[in-house]
């Protein structure tokens, strides 16, 4: 895992106040998979706000166009993040 990915993970956990075990990160094929997981683990979380936060953090961490960070975007195949 690269520095950008580590920064992304730490930023998501800190910003959204959620702890995601290392083993769980590998199950997220799409941006939506991650957002759904966070919403399930965070009572009262607003799915739209979770998505916008993940989008912003991903765009910053991986130098992505935020418009490309969509719920159906696959991390590796579409966004070229691994």
PDB file of N, CA and C in Angstrom:
ATOM      1  N   UNK A   1       0.848  -1.175   0.000  1.00  0.00           N
ATOM      2  CA  UNK A   1       0.000   0.000   0.000  1.00  0.00           C
ATOM      3  C   UNK A   1       0.891   1.234   0.000  1.00  0.00           C
ATOM      4  N   UNK A   2       0.604   2.161  -0.894  1.00  0.00           N
ATOM      5  CA  UNK A   2       1.420   3.349  -1.028  1.00  0.00           C
ATOM      6  C   UNK A   2       1.085   4.415  -0.003  1.00  0.00           C
ATOM      7  N   UNK A   3       1.915   5.438   0.002  1.00  0.00           N
ATOM      8  CA  UNK A   3       1.720   6.560   0.926  1.00  0.00           C
ATOM      9  C   UNK A   3       0.385   7.242   0.681  1.00  0.00           C
ATOM     10  N   UNK A   4       0.002   7.427  -0.597  1.00  0.00           N
ATOM     11  CA  UNK A   4      -1.278   8.070  -0.907  1.00  0.00           C
ATOM     12  C   UNK A   4      -2.442   7.267  -0.339  1.00  0.00           C
ATOM     13  N   UNK A   5      -2.392   5.944  -0.484  1.00  0.00           N
ATOM     14  CA  UNK A   5      -3.469   5.094   0.021  1.00  0.00           C
ATOM     15  C   UNK A   5      -3.529   5.151   1.543  1.00  0.00           C
ATOM     16  N   UNK A   6      -2.384   5.137   2.182  1.00  0.00           N
ATOM     17  CA  UNK A   6      -2.340   5.217   3.643  1.00  0.00           C
ATOM     18  C   UNK A   6      -2.914   6.546   4.116  1.00  0.00           C
ATOM     19  N   UNK A   7      -2.538   7.631   3.452  1.00  0.00           N
ATOM     20  CA  UNK A   7      -3.070   8.957   3.789  1.00  0.00           C
ATOM     21  C   UNK A   7      -4.589   8.976   3.605  1.00  0.00           C
ATOM     22  N   UNK A   8      -5.070   8.389   2.513  1.00  0.00           N
ATOM     23  CA  UNK A   8      -6.497   8.336   2.246  1.00  0.00           C
ATOM     24  C   UNK A   8      -7.236   7.599   3.364  1.00  0.00           C
ATOM     25  N   UNK A   9      -6.738   6.425   3.720  1.00  0.00           N
ATOM     26  CA  UNK A   9      -7.377   5.616   4.758  1.00  0.00           C
ATOM     27  C   UNK A   9      -7.436   6.372   6.077  1.00  0.00           C
ATOM     28  N   UNK A  10      -6.329   6.934   6.489  1.00  0.00           N
ATOM     29  CA  UNK A  10      -6.291   7.673   7.751  1.00  0.00           C
ATOM     30  C   UNK A  10      -7.219   8.881   7.719  1.00  0.00           C
ATOM     31  N   UNK A  11      -7.271   9.571   6.596  1.00  0.00           N
ATOM     32  CA  UNK A  11      -8.136  10.744   6.467  1.00  0.00           C
ATOM     33  C   UNK A  11      -9.607  10.365   6.542  1.00  0.00           C
ATOM     34  N   UNK A  12      -9.972   9.278   5.867  1.00  0.00           N
ATOM     35  CA  UNK A  12     -11.369   8.820   5.903  1.00  0.00           C
ATOM     36  C   UNK A  12     -11.755   8.459   7.336  1.00  0.00           C
ATOM     37  N   UNK A  13     -10.913   7.677   7.990  1.00  0.00           N
ATOM     38  CA  UNK A  13     -11.225   7.248   9.356  1.00  0.00           C
ATOM     39  C   UNK A  13     -11.326   8.437  10.309  1.00  0.00           C
ATOM     40  N   UNK A  14     -10.408   9.348  10.204  1.00  0.00           N
ATOM     41  CA  UNK A  14     -10.405  10.504  11.111  1.00  0.00           C
ATOM     42  C   UNK A  14     -11.575  11.446  10.822  1.00  0.00           C
ATOM     43  N   UNK A  15     -11.779  11.771   9.569  1.00  0.00           N
ATOM     44  CA  UNK A  15     -12.813  12.736   9.202  1.00  0.00           C
ATOM     45  C   UNK A  15     -14.214  12.208   9.500  1.00  0.00           C
ATOM     46  N   UNK A  16     -14.436  10.925   9.229  1.00  0.00           N
ATOM     47  CA  UNK A  16     -15.767  10.349   9.416  1.00  0.00           C
ATOM     48  C   UNK A  16     -15.921   9.619  10.747  1.00  0.00           C
ATOM     49  N   UNK A  17     -14.890   9.686  11.577  1.00  0.00           N
ATOM     50  CA  UNK A  17     -14.912   9.093  12.913  1.00  0.00           C
ATOM     51  C   UNK A  17     -15.362   7.626  12.869  1.00  0.00           C
ATOM     52  N   UNK A  18     -14.658   6.871  12.033  1.00  0.00           N
ATOM     53  CA  UNK A  18     -14.945   5.447  11.884  1.00  0.00           C
ATOM     54  C   UNK A  18     -13.626   4.692  11.812  1.00  0.00           C
ATOM     55  N   UNK A  19     -13.603   3.511  12.408  1.00  0.00           N
ATOM     56  CA  UNK A  19     -12.412   2.671  12.314  1.00  0.00           C
ATOM     57  C   UNK A  19     -12.731   1.499  11.402  1.00  0.00           C
ATOM     58  N   UNK A  20     -11.918   1.357  10.368  1.00  0.00           N
ATOM     59  CA  UNK A  20     -12.117   0.280   9.407  1.00  0.00           C
ATOM     60  C   UNK A  20     -10.916  -0.659   9.524  1.00  0.00           C
ATOM     61  N   UNK A  21     -11.154  -1.883   9.966  1.00  0.00           N
ATOM     62  CA  UNK A  21     -10.047  -2.835  10.107  1.00  0.00           C
ATOM     63  C   UNK A  21      -9.323  -3.045   8.774  1.00  0.00           C
ATOM     64  N   UNK A  22      -8.020  -3.263   8.858  1.00  0.00           N
ATOM     65  CA  UNK A  22      -7.205  -3.458   7.651  1.00  0.00           C
ATOM     66  C   UNK A  22      -7.787  -4.518   6.725  1.00  0.00           C
ATOM     67  N   UNK A  23      -8.274  -5.606   7.286  1.00  0.00           N
ATOM     68  CA  UNK A  23      -8.817  -6.691   6.461  1.00  0.00           C
ATOM     69  C   UNK A  23     -10.057  -6.274   5.682  1.00  0.00           C
ATOM     70  N   UNK A  24     -10.776  -5.285   6.176  1.00  0.00           N
ATOM     71  CA  UNK A  24     -12.002  -4.851   5.501  1.00  0.00           C
ATOM     72  C   UNK A  24     -11.736  -3.963   4.296  1.00  0.00           C
ATOM     73  N   UNK A  25     -10.610  -3.255   4.278  1.00  0.00           N
ATOM     74  CA  UNK A  25     -10.339  -2.336   3.172  1.00  0.00           C
ATOM     75  C   UNK A  25     -10.310  -3.037   1.826  1.00  0.00           C
ATOM     76  N   UNK A  26      -9.898  -4.268   1.791  1.00  0.00           N
ATOM     77  CA  UNK A  26      -9.740  -4.977   0.516  1.00  0.00           C
ATOM     78  C   UNK A  26     -11.069  -5.400  -0.095  1.00  0.00           C
ATOM     79  N   UNK A  27     -12.161  -5.299   0.660  1.00  0.00           N
ATOM     80  CA  UNK A  27     -13.463  -5.694   0.122  1.00  0.00           C
ATOM     81  C   UNK A  27     -14.137  -4.574  -0.677  1.00  0.00           C
ATOM     82  N   UNK A  28     -13.585  -3.383  -0.648  1.00  0.00           N
ATOM     83  CA  UNK A  28     -14.218  -2.244  -1.306  1.00  0.00           C
ATOM     84  C   UNK A  28     -13.766  -2.149  -2.761  1.00  0.00           C
ATOM     85  N   UNK A  29     -14.583  -2.650  -3.657  1.00  0.00           N
ATOM     86  CA  UNK A  29     -14.266  -2.617  -5.082  1.00  0.00           C
ATOM     87  C   UNK A  29     -14.606  -1.251  -5.660  1.00  0.00           C
ATOM     88  N   UNK A  30     -15.711  -0.683  -5.209  1.00  0.00           N
ATOM     89  CA  UNK A  30     -16.144   0.627  -5.723  1.00  0.00           C
ATOM     90  C   UNK A  30     -16.161   1.661  -4.605  1.00  0.00           C
ATOM     91  N   UNK A  31     -16.249   2.901  -5.005  1.00  0.00           N
ATOM     92  CA  UNK A  31     -16.395   3.999  -4.044  1.00  0.00           C
ATOM     93  C   UNK A  31     -17.668   3.782  -3.228  1.00  0.00           C
ATOM     94  N   UNK A  32     -18.728   3.341  -3.890  1.00  0.00           N
ATOM     95  CA  UNK A  32     -19.992   3.084  -3.203  1.00  0.00           C
ATOM     96  C   UNK A  32     -19.896   2.001  -2.148  1.00  0.00           C
ATOM     97  N   UNK A  33     -19.067   0.976  -2.406  1.00  0.00           N
ATOM     98  CA  UNK A  33     -18.864  -0.078  -1.404  1.00  0.00           C
ATOM     99  C   UNK A  33     -18.333   0.515  -0.103  1.00  0.00           C
ATOM    100  N   UNK A  34     -17.360   1.392  -0.220  1.00  0.00           N
ATOM    101  CA  UNK A  34     -16.780   2.035   0.961  1.00  0.00           C
ATOM    102  C   UNK A  34     -17.818   2.908   1.649  1.00  0.00           C
ATOM    103  N   UNK A  35     -18.531   3.701   0.883  1.00  0.00           N
ATOM    104  CA  UNK A  35     -19.533   4.599   1.470  1.00  0.00           C
ATOM    105  C   UNK A  35     -20.629   3.809   2.184  1.00  0.00           C
ATOM    106  N   UNK A  36     -21.106   2.737   1.556  1.00  0.00           N
ATOM    107  CA  UNK A  36     -22.138   1.905   2.181  1.00  0.00           C
ATOM    108  C   UNK A  36     -21.648   1.312   3.499  1.00  0.00           C
ATOM    109  N   UNK A  37     -20.404   0.852   3.518  1.00  0.00           N
ATOM    110  CA  UNK A  37     -19.814   0.281   4.729  1.00  0.00           C
ATOM    111  C   UNK A  37     -19.797   1.330   5.846  1.00  0.00           C
ATOM    112  N   UNK A  38     -19.368   2.533   5.511  1.00  0.00           N
ATOM    113  CA  UNK A  38     -19.286   3.593   6.511  1.00  0.00           C
ATOM    114  C   UNK A  38     -20.675   3.935   7.050  1.00  0.00           C
ATOM    115  N   UNK A  39     -21.653   4.026   6.174  1.00  0.00           N
ATOM    116  CA  UNK A  39     -23.023   4.335   6.602  1.00  0.00           C
ATOM    117  C   UNK A  39     -23.543   3.239   7.534  1.00  0.00           C
ATOM    118  N   UNK A  40     -23.261   1.976   7.216  1.00  0.00           N
ATOM    119  CA  UNK A  40     -23.704   0.869   8.072  1.00  0.00           C
ATOM    120  C   UNK A  40     -23.044   0.893   9.439  1.00  0.00           C
ATOM    121  N   UNK A  41     -21.780   1.314   9.490  1.00  0.00           N
ATOM    122  CA  UNK A  41     -21.028   1.302  10.746  1.00  0.00           C
ATOM    123  C   UNK A  41     -21.210   2.577  11.573  1.00  0.00           C
ATOM    124  N   UNK A  42     -21.857   3.594  10.989  1.00  0.00           N
ATOM    125  CA  UNK A  42     -21.977   4.881  11.654  1.00  0.00           C
ATOM    126  C   UNK A  42     -23.456   5.243  11.801  1.00  0.00           C
ATOM    127  N   UNK A  43     -24.045   4.954  12.952  1.00  0.00           N
ATOM    128  CA  UNK A  43     -25.466   5.258  13.145  1.00  0.00           C
ATOM    129  C   UNK A  43     -25.767   6.734  12.883  1.00  0.00           C
ATOM    130  N   UNK A  44     -26.823   6.958  12.112  1.00  0.00           N
ATOM    131  CA  UNK A  44     -27.243   8.323  11.829  1.00  0.00           C
ATOM    132  C   UNK A  44     -26.472   9.013  10.722  1.00  0.00           C
ATOM    133  N   UNK A  45     -25.540   8.320  10.091  1.00  0.00           N
ATOM    134  CA  UNK A  45     -24.747   8.936   9.026  1.00  0.00           C
ATOM    135  C   UNK A  45     -25.629   9.233   7.816  1.00  0.00           C
ATOM    136  N   UNK A  46     -25.420  10.378   7.220  1.00  0.00           N
ATOM    137  CA  UNK A  46     -26.136  10.790   6.011  1.00  0.00           C
ATOM    138  C   UNK A  46     -25.361  10.257   4.803  1.00  0.00           C
ATOM    139  N   UNK A  47     -25.953   9.345   4.036  1.00  0.00           N
ATOM    140  CA  UNK A  47     -25.239   8.754   2.901  1.00  0.00           C
ATOM    141  C   UNK A  47     -24.682   9.786   1.916  1.00  0.00           C
ATOM    142  N   UNK A  48     -25.411  10.844   1.667  1.00  0.00           N
ATOM    143  CA  UNK A  48     -24.936  11.870   0.727  1.00  0.00           C
ATOM    144  C   UNK A  48     -23.710  12.587   1.274  1.00  0.00           C
ATOM    145  N   UNK A  49     -23.712  12.874   2.562  1.00  0.00           N
ATOM    146  CA  UNK A  49     -22.561  13.543   3.172  1.00  0.00           C
ATOM    147  C   UNK A  49     -21.351  12.615   3.227  1.00  0.00           C
ATOM    148  N   UNK A  50     -21.598  11.345   3.503  1.00  0.00           N
ATOM    149  CA  UNK A  50     -20.498  10.375   3.513  1.00  0.00           C
ATOM    150  C   UNK A  50     -19.868  10.322   2.126  1.00  0.00           C
ATOM    151  N   UNK A  51     -20.689  10.215   1.086  1.00  0.00           N
ATOM    152  CA  UNK A  51     -20.162  10.158  -0.267  1.00  0.00           C
ATOM    153  C   UNK A  51     -19.359  11.414  -0.601  1.00  0.00           C
ATOM    154  N   UNK A  52     -19.903  12.580  -0.319  1.00  0.00           N
ATOM    155  CA  UNK A  52     -19.198  13.823  -0.641  1.00  0.00           C
ATOM    156  C   UNK A  52     -17.868  13.919   0.101  1.00  0.00           C
ATOM    157  N   UNK A  53     -17.834  13.443   1.331  1.00  0.00           N
ATOM    158  CA  UNK A  53     -16.592  13.461   2.103  1.00  0.00           C
ATOM    159  C   UNK A  53     -15.578  12.495   1.518  1.00  0.00           C
ATOM    160  N   UNK A  54     -16.015  11.286   1.203  1.00  0.00           N
ATOM    161  CA  UNK A  54     -15.113  10.302   0.594  1.00  0.00           C
ATOM    162  C   UNK A  54     -14.618  10.834  -0.752  1.00  0.00           C
ATOM    163  N   UNK A  55     -15.502  11.431  -1.539  1.00  0.00           N
ATOM    164  CA  UNK A  55     -15.113  11.992  -2.840  1.00  0.00           C
ATOM    165  C   UNK A  55     -14.021  13.056  -2.668  1.00  0.00           C
ATOM    166  N   UNK A  56     -14.228  13.963  -1.737  1.00  0.00           N
ATOM    167  CA  UNK A  56     -13.262  15.043  -1.513  1.00  0.00           C
ATOM    168  C   UNK A  56     -11.911  14.490  -1.067  1.00  0.00           C
ATOM    169  N   UNK A  57     -11.928  13.565  -0.116  1.00  0.00           N
ATOM    170  CA  UNK A  57     -10.684  12.992   0.394  1.00  0.00           C
ATOM    171  C   UNK A  57      -9.969  12.217  -0.713  1.00  0.00           C
ATOM    172  N   UNK A  58     -10.702  11.420  -1.490  1.00  0.00           N
ATOM    173  CA  UNK A  58     -10.096  10.642  -2.575  1.00  0.00           C
ATOM    174  C   UNK A  58      -9.497  11.554  -3.635  1.00  0.00           C
ATOM    175  N   UNK A  59     -10.231  12.591  -4.009  1.00  0.00           N
ATOM    176  CA  UNK A  59      -9.726  13.515  -5.024  1.00  0.00           C
ATOM    177  C   UNK A  59      -8.423  14.160  -4.563  1.00  0.00           C
ATOM    178  N   UNK A  60      -8.375  14.551  -3.298  1.00  0.00           N
ATOM    179  CA  UNK A  60      -7.158  15.174  -2.762  1.00  0.00           C
ATOM    180  C   UNK A  60      -6.014  14.173  -2.621  1.00  0.00           C
ATOM    181  N   UNK A  61      -6.297  13.010  -2.075  1.00  0.00           N
ATOM    182  CA  UNK A  61      -5.241  12.027  -1.804  1.00  0.00           C
ATOM    183  C   UNK A  61      -4.627  11.460  -3.077  1.00  0.00           C
ATOM    184  N   UNK A  62      -5.457  11.285  -4.119  1.00  0.00           N
ATOM    185  CA  UNK A  62      -4.991  10.612  -5.328  1.00  0.00           C
ATOM    186  C   UNK A  62      -4.913  11.533  -6.544  1.00  0.00           C
ATOM    187  N   UNK A  63      -5.069  12.838  -6.325  1.00  0.00           N
ATOM    188  CA  UNK A  63      -5.028  13.828  -7.417  1.00  0.00           C
ATOM    189  C   UNK A  63      -6.009  13.464  -8.536  1.00  0.00           C
ATOM    190  N   UNK A  64      -7.251  13.217  -8.138  1.00  0.00           N
ATOM    191  CA  UNK A  64      -8.299  12.844  -9.074  1.00  0.00           C
ATOM    192  C   UNK A  64      -9.242  14.015  -9.325  1.00  0.00           C
ATOM    193  N   UNK A  65      -9.856  14.018 -10.487  1.00  0.00           N
ATOM    194  CA  UNK A  65     -10.948  14.950 -10.761  1.00  0.00           C
ATOM    195  C   UNK A  65     -12.131  14.463  -9.923  1.00  0.00           C
ATOM    196  N   UNK A  66     -12.678  15.308  -9.046  1.00  0.00           N
ATOM    197  CA  UNK A  66     -13.789  14.867  -8.195  1.00  0.00           C
ATOM    198  C   UNK A  66     -14.974  14.305  -8.986  1.00  0.00           C
ATOM    199  N   UNK A  67     -15.179  14.779 -10.200  1.00  0.00           N
ATOM    200  CA  UNK A  67     -16.288  14.279 -11.018  1.00  0.00           C
ATOM    201  C   UNK A  67     -16.105  12.811 -11.403  1.00  0.00           C
ATOM    202  N   UNK A  68     -14.873  12.325 -11.391  1.00  0.00           N
ATOM    203  CA  UNK A  68     -14.614  10.925 -11.710  1.00  0.00           C
ATOM    204  C   UNK A  68     -14.856  10.005 -10.522  1.00  0.00           C
ATOM    205  N   UNK A  69     -14.909  10.578  -9.343  1.00  0.00           N
ATOM    206  CA  UNK A  69     -15.128   9.796  -8.123  1.00  0.00           C
ATOM    207  C   UNK A  69     -16.641   9.666  -7.925  1.00  0.00           C
ATOM    208  N   UNK A  70     -17.197   8.597  -8.476  1.00  0.00           N
ATOM    209  CA  UNK A  70     -18.632   8.316  -8.429  1.00  0.00           C
ATOM    210  C   UNK A  70     -18.871   7.029  -7.650  1.00  0.00           C
ATOM    211  N   UNK A  71     -20.070   6.825  -7.129  1.00  0.00           N
ATOM    212  CA  UNK A  71     -20.329   5.599  -6.362  1.00  0.00           C
ATOM    213  C   UNK A  71     -20.011   4.310  -7.126  1.00  0.00           C
ATOM    214  N   UNK A  72     -20.201   4.317  -8.437  1.00  0.00           N
ATOM    215  CA  UNK A  72     -19.950   3.104  -9.221  1.00  0.00           C
ATOM    216  C   UNK A  72     -18.514   2.985  -9.709  1.00  0.00           C
ATOM    217  N   UNK A  73     -17.708   4.003  -9.463  1.00  0.00           N
ATOM    218  CA  UNK A  73     -16.310   3.974  -9.914  1.00  0.00           C
ATOM    219  C   UNK A  73     -15.538   2.915  -9.125  1.00  0.00           C
ATOM    220  N   UNK A  74     -14.829   2.066  -9.865  1.00  0.00           N
ATOM    221  CA  UNK A  74     -14.002   1.036  -9.245  1.00  0.00           C
ATOM    222  C   UNK A  74     -12.627   1.649  -8.935  1.00  0.00           C
ATOM    223  N   UNK A  75     -12.147   1.375  -7.740  1.00  0.00           N
ATOM    224  CA  UNK A  75     -10.889   1.982  -7.283  1.00  0.00           C
ATOM    225  C   UNK A  75      -9.735   1.673  -8.230  1.00  0.00           C
ATOM    226  N   UNK A  76      -9.574   0.428  -8.590  1.00  0.00           N
ATOM    227  CA  UNK A  76      -8.408   0.032  -9.387  1.00  0.00           C
ATOM    228  C   UNK A  76      -8.656   0.249 -10.879  1.00  0.00           C
ATOM    229  N   UNK A  77      -9.710  -0.320 -11.400  1.00  0.00           N
ATOM    230  CA  UNK A  77      -9.942  -0.277 -12.839  1.00  0.00           C
ATOM    231  C   UNK A  77     -10.269   1.117 -13.368  1.00  0.00           C
ATOM    232  N   UNK A  78     -11.121   1.863 -12.670  1.00  0.00           N
ATOM    233  CA  UNK A  78     -11.570   3.162 -13.153  1.00  0.00           C
ATOM    234  C   UNK A  78     -10.719   4.324 -12.663  1.00  0.00           C
ATOM    235  N   UNK A  79     -10.385   4.302 -11.369  1.00  0.00           N
ATOM    236  CA  UNK A  79      -9.647   5.435 -10.789  1.00  0.00           C
ATOM    237  C   UNK A  79      -8.151   5.209 -10.726  1.00  0.00           C
ATOM    238  N   UNK A  80      -7.708   3.995 -11.034  1.00  0.00           N
ATOM    239  CA  UNK A  80      -6.275   3.636 -11.059  1.00  0.00           C
ATOM    240  C   UNK A  80      -5.607   3.812  -9.695  1.00  0.00           C
ATOM    241  N   UNK A  81      -6.369   3.459  -8.656  1.00  0.00           N
ATOM    242  CA  UNK A  81      -5.877   3.546  -7.280  1.00  0.00           C
ATOM    243  C   UNK A  81      -5.683   2.122  -6.765  1.00  0.00           C
ATOM    244  N   UNK A  82      -4.518   1.852  -6.179  1.00  0.00           N
ATOM    245  CA  UNK A  82      -4.336   0.551  -5.526  1.00  0.00           C
ATOM    246  C   UNK A  82      -3.412   0.667  -4.361  1.00  0.00           C
TER     247      UNK A  82
END
